[in-house]
Amino acid sequence: MLSGMKVLLFGRNPATVSRVTAALARLGAYEALVLGAGVVGSLRERLTAATVRHGVVWVQGPHILPERDALEYVRTEILPRLGRLA
């Protein structure tokens, strides 16, 4: 279901984006837009409107604490959300 998909990860914190991107790369690629928890307001509205126009699945992830393992975060928070939408 999720196998072979590509993902664009969009967030405000470069360190978090880097950690989660590395985790997604280890799991494989997914075809969706994952918005960081800090992407809100008009920016979020513009991005999600674009995904709808282009038929792209999107999900907004919860905050990830700096000490939390990024791979575990992707497995427990992001993949289940993507799976429900795919």
N, C-alpha and C. Protein backbone atom coordinates (compact mmCIF):
# COMPACT_ATOMS: atom_id res chain seq x y z
N MET A 1 0.83 -1.19 0.00
CA MET A 1 0.00 0.00 0.00
C MET A 1 0.87 1.25 0.00
N LEU A 2 1.82 1.38 0.95
CA LEU A 2 2.68 2.54 1.02
C LEU A 2 3.99 2.32 0.29
N SER A 3 4.29 1.11 -0.07
CA SER A 3 5.55 0.78 -0.71
C SER A 3 5.71 1.50 -2.05
N GLY A 4 6.90 2.05 -2.28
CA GLY A 4 7.20 2.69 -3.54
C GLY A 4 6.72 4.12 -3.67
N MET A 5 6.10 4.68 -2.65
CA MET A 5 5.62 6.05 -2.70
C MET A 5 6.75 7.01 -2.35
N LYS A 6 6.62 8.28 -2.77
CA LYS A 6 7.61 9.31 -2.46
C LYS A 6 7.00 10.32 -1.50
N VAL A 7 7.87 10.92 -0.66
CA VAL A 7 7.41 11.87 0.35
C VAL A 7 8.19 13.17 0.25
N LEU A 8 7.50 14.28 0.45
CA LEU A 8 8.14 15.57 0.65
C LEU A 8 7.86 15.96 2.09
N LEU A 9 8.91 16.19 2.84
CA LEU A 9 8.77 16.58 4.24
C LEU A 9 9.01 18.07 4.34
N PHE A 10 8.05 18.80 4.88
CA PHE A 10 8.11 20.25 4.95
C PHE A 10 7.96 20.67 6.40
N GLY A 11 8.98 21.31 6.93
CA GLY A 11 8.93 21.73 8.32
C GLY A 11 9.72 22.99 8.56
N ARG A 12 9.60 23.55 9.76
CA ARG A 12 10.27 24.79 10.09
C ARG A 12 11.59 24.59 10.81
N ASN A 13 11.78 23.46 11.45
CA ASN A 13 13.00 23.22 12.22
C ASN A 13 13.96 22.36 11.40
N PRO A 14 15.06 22.92 10.90
CA PRO A 14 15.97 22.16 10.04
C PRO A 14 16.50 20.87 10.68
N ALA A 15 16.78 20.90 11.97
CA ALA A 15 17.30 19.70 12.63
C ALA A 15 16.25 18.59 12.64
N THR A 16 15.00 18.93 12.92
CA THR A 16 13.93 17.93 12.93
C THR A 16 13.69 17.40 11.53
N VAL A 17 13.63 18.28 10.55
CA VAL A 17 13.41 17.85 9.17
C VAL A 17 14.51 16.89 8.75
N SER A 18 15.75 17.20 9.10
CA SER A 18 16.87 16.34 8.75
C SER A 18 16.74 14.97 9.39
N ARG A 19 16.37 14.92 10.68
CA ARG A 19 16.23 13.65 11.40
C ARG A 19 15.12 12.80 10.80
N VAL A 20 13.97 13.41 10.54
CA VAL A 20 12.83 12.65 10.03
C VAL A 20 13.07 12.23 8.58
N THR A 21 13.72 13.09 7.78
CA THR A 21 14.04 12.73 6.41
C THR A 21 14.94 11.51 6.38
N ALA A 22 15.94 11.48 7.24
CA ALA A 22 16.83 10.33 7.32
C ALA A 22 16.06 9.07 7.70
N ALA A 23 15.11 9.19 8.63
CA ALA A 23 14.31 8.04 9.05
C ALA A 23 13.44 7.55 7.91
N LEU A 24 12.82 8.47 7.18
CA LEU A 24 11.98 8.07 6.05
C LEU A 24 12.82 7.38 4.98
N ALA A 25 14.02 7.86 4.77
CA ALA A 25 14.90 7.27 3.76
C ALA A 25 15.24 5.83 4.13
N ARG A 26 15.40 5.55 5.42
CA ARG A 26 15.69 4.17 5.85
C ARG A 26 14.49 3.27 5.67
N LEU A 27 13.30 3.81 5.79
CA LEU A 27 12.09 3.01 5.66
C LEU A 27 11.66 2.83 4.21
N GLY A 28 12.08 3.70 3.35
CA GLY A 28 11.64 3.70 1.96
C GLY A 28 11.01 5.04 1.63
N ALA A 29 10.65 5.22 0.39
CA ALA A 29 10.07 6.50 -0.04
C ALA A 29 8.55 6.38 -0.10
N TYR A 30 7.86 7.47 0.21
CA TYR A 30 6.41 7.51 0.21
C TYR A 30 5.92 8.72 -0.56
N GLU A 31 4.78 8.62 -1.18
CA GLU A 31 4.24 9.67 -2.02
C GLU A 31 3.19 10.47 -1.26
N ALA A 32 3.67 11.46 -0.54
CA ALA A 32 2.79 12.29 0.28
C ALA A 32 3.55 13.52 0.73
N LEU A 33 2.81 14.47 1.25
CA LEU A 33 3.40 15.65 1.86
C LEU A 33 3.20 15.53 3.36
N VAL A 34 4.29 15.55 4.10
CA VAL A 34 4.22 15.52 5.56
C VAL A 34 4.58 16.90 6.06
N LEU A 35 3.64 17.56 6.70
CA LEU A 35 3.87 18.89 7.25
C LEU A 35 4.27 18.76 8.70
N GLY A 36 5.29 19.49 9.08
CA GLY A 36 5.69 19.54 10.48
C GLY A 36 4.62 20.23 11.30
N ALA A 37 4.62 19.96 12.59
CA ALA A 37 3.61 20.53 13.48
C ALA A 37 3.66 22.06 13.51
N GLY A 38 4.82 22.63 13.21
CA GLY A 38 4.95 24.09 13.23
C GLY A 38 4.49 24.79 11.97
N VAL A 39 4.09 24.02 10.96
CA VAL A 39 3.61 24.62 9.71
C VAL A 39 2.11 24.88 9.89
N VAL A 40 1.78 26.15 10.13
CA VAL A 40 0.40 26.50 10.47
C VAL A 40 -0.03 27.75 9.69
N GLY A 41 -1.26 28.14 9.90
CA GLY A 41 -1.78 29.39 9.34
C GLY A 41 -1.87 29.39 7.83
N SER A 42 -1.58 30.56 7.24
CA SER A 42 -1.76 30.71 5.80
C SER A 42 -0.80 29.83 5.00
N LEU A 43 0.40 29.57 5.54
CA LEU A 43 1.34 28.69 4.84
C LEU A 43 0.75 27.28 4.74
N ARG A 44 0.20 26.78 5.84
CA ARG A 44 -0.43 25.45 5.83
C ARG A 44 -1.59 25.42 4.84
N GLU A 45 -2.41 26.47 4.84
CA GLU A 45 -3.55 26.54 3.93
C GLU A 45 -3.11 26.50 2.47
N ARG A 46 -2.06 27.25 2.12
CA ARG A 46 -1.56 27.26 0.74
C ARG A 46 -1.02 25.89 0.34
N LEU A 47 -0.27 25.27 1.23
CA LEU A 47 0.31 23.97 0.91
C LEU A 47 -0.76 22.89 0.76
N THR A 48 -1.71 22.86 1.68
CA THR A 48 -2.73 21.82 1.60
C THR A 48 -3.66 22.04 0.39
N ALA A 49 -3.92 23.29 0.04
CA ALA A 49 -4.72 23.56 -1.16
C ALA A 49 -3.99 23.05 -2.41
N ALA A 50 -2.68 23.22 -2.44
CA ALA A 50 -1.89 22.74 -3.58
C ALA A 50 -1.92 21.22 -3.65
N THR A 51 -1.89 20.55 -2.50
CA THR A 51 -1.93 19.08 -2.54
C THR A 51 -3.27 18.60 -3.09
N VAL A 52 -4.35 19.26 -2.72
CA VAL A 52 -5.67 18.89 -3.21
C VAL A 52 -5.73 19.07 -4.73
N ARG A 53 -5.20 20.19 -5.21
CA ARG A 53 -5.21 20.46 -6.65
C ARG A 53 -4.44 19.39 -7.43
N HIS A 54 -3.39 18.88 -6.83
CA HIS A 54 -2.52 17.92 -7.51
C HIS A 54 -2.79 16.47 -7.11
N GLY A 55 -3.80 16.24 -6.30
CA GLY A 55 -4.15 14.87 -5.92
C GLY A 55 -3.11 14.19 -5.05
N VAL A 56 -2.41 14.98 -4.23
CA VAL A 56 -1.36 14.45 -3.36
C VAL A 56 -1.93 14.27 -1.95
N VAL A 57 -1.61 13.16 -1.33
CA VAL A 57 -2.00 12.90 0.06
C VAL A 57 -1.13 13.76 0.97
N TRP A 58 -1.73 14.33 2.01
CA TRP A 58 -0.92 15.09 2.96
C TRP A 58 -1.35 14.73 4.38
N VAL A 59 -0.41 14.91 5.29
CA VAL A 59 -0.66 14.66 6.70
C VAL A 59 0.18 15.65 7.50
N GLN A 60 -0.35 16.10 8.61
CA GLN A 60 0.42 16.98 9.49
C GLN A 60 0.84 16.18 10.71
N GLY A 61 2.15 16.10 10.90
CA GLY A 61 2.68 15.35 12.02
C GLY A 61 2.62 16.13 13.31
N PRO A 62 2.60 15.43 14.43
CA PRO A 62 2.67 16.11 15.73
C PRO A 62 4.10 16.57 15.99
N HIS A 63 4.28 17.37 17.02
CA HIS A 63 5.63 17.83 17.39
C HIS A 63 6.49 16.62 17.72
N ILE A 64 7.76 16.72 17.35
CA ILE A 64 8.72 15.68 17.72
C ILE A 64 9.73 16.31 18.68
N LEU A 65 9.89 15.70 19.82
CA LEU A 65 10.84 16.20 20.81
C LEU A 65 12.26 15.92 20.35
N PRO A 66 13.20 16.83 20.61
CA PRO A 66 14.57 16.64 20.15
C PRO A 66 15.20 15.32 20.59
N GLU A 67 14.83 14.83 21.77
CA GLU A 67 15.43 13.60 22.27
C GLU A 67 14.74 12.33 21.73
N ARG A 68 13.65 12.50 21.03
CA ARG A 68 12.90 11.34 20.51
C ARG A 68 13.59 10.78 19.27
N ASP A 69 13.60 9.47 19.15
CA ASP A 69 14.19 8.79 18.01
C ASP A 69 13.34 9.06 16.77
N ALA A 70 13.96 9.59 15.71
CA ALA A 70 13.21 9.97 14.52
C ALA A 70 12.60 8.76 13.82
N LEU A 71 13.30 7.64 13.78
CA LEU A 71 12.77 6.45 13.12
C LEU A 71 11.53 5.94 13.85
N GLU A 72 11.58 5.94 15.17
CA GLU A 72 10.43 5.51 15.97
C GLU A 72 9.26 6.48 15.75
N TYR A 73 9.54 7.78 15.66
CA TYR A 73 8.51 8.79 15.40
C TYR A 73 7.83 8.54 14.06
N VAL A 74 8.62 8.27 13.04
CA VAL A 74 8.06 8.01 11.72
C VAL A 74 7.19 6.76 11.74
N ARG A 75 7.69 5.70 12.38
CA ARG A 75 6.94 4.44 12.43
C ARG A 75 5.64 4.55 13.21
N THR A 76 5.67 5.27 14.34
CA THR A 76 4.48 5.31 15.20
C THR A 76 3.53 6.46 14.92
N GLU A 77 4.03 7.56 14.37
CA GLU A 77 3.18 8.75 14.17
C GLU A 77 2.86 9.02 12.70
N ILE A 78 3.87 8.94 11.84
CA ILE A 78 3.68 9.33 10.45
C ILE A 78 3.11 8.22 9.59
N LEU A 79 3.71 7.04 9.63
CA LEU A 79 3.25 5.93 8.76
C LEU A 79 1.79 5.56 9.00
N PRO A 80 1.34 5.46 10.26
CA PRO A 80 -0.09 5.16 10.45
C PRO A 80 -1.01 6.21 9.84
N ARG A 81 -0.62 7.48 9.92
CA ARG A 81 -1.44 8.54 9.33
C ARG A 81 -1.46 8.44 7.81
N LEU A 82 -0.31 8.16 7.22
CA LEU A 82 -0.24 7.99 5.77
C LEU A 82 -1.03 6.77 5.33
N GLY A 83 -0.94 5.70 6.10
CA GLY A 83 -1.66 4.47 5.76
C GLY A 83 -3.16 4.67 5.74
N ARG A 84 -3.67 5.48 6.65
CA ARG A 84 -5.11 5.74 6.68
C ARG A 84 -5.55 6.58 5.47
N LEU A 85 -4.64 7.36 4.91
CA LEU A 85 -4.99 8.24 3.79
C LEU A 85 -4.71 7.63 2.43
N ALA A 86 -3.78 6.69 2.38
CA ALA A 86 -3.37 6.12 1.07
C ALA A 86 -4.44 5.24 0.49
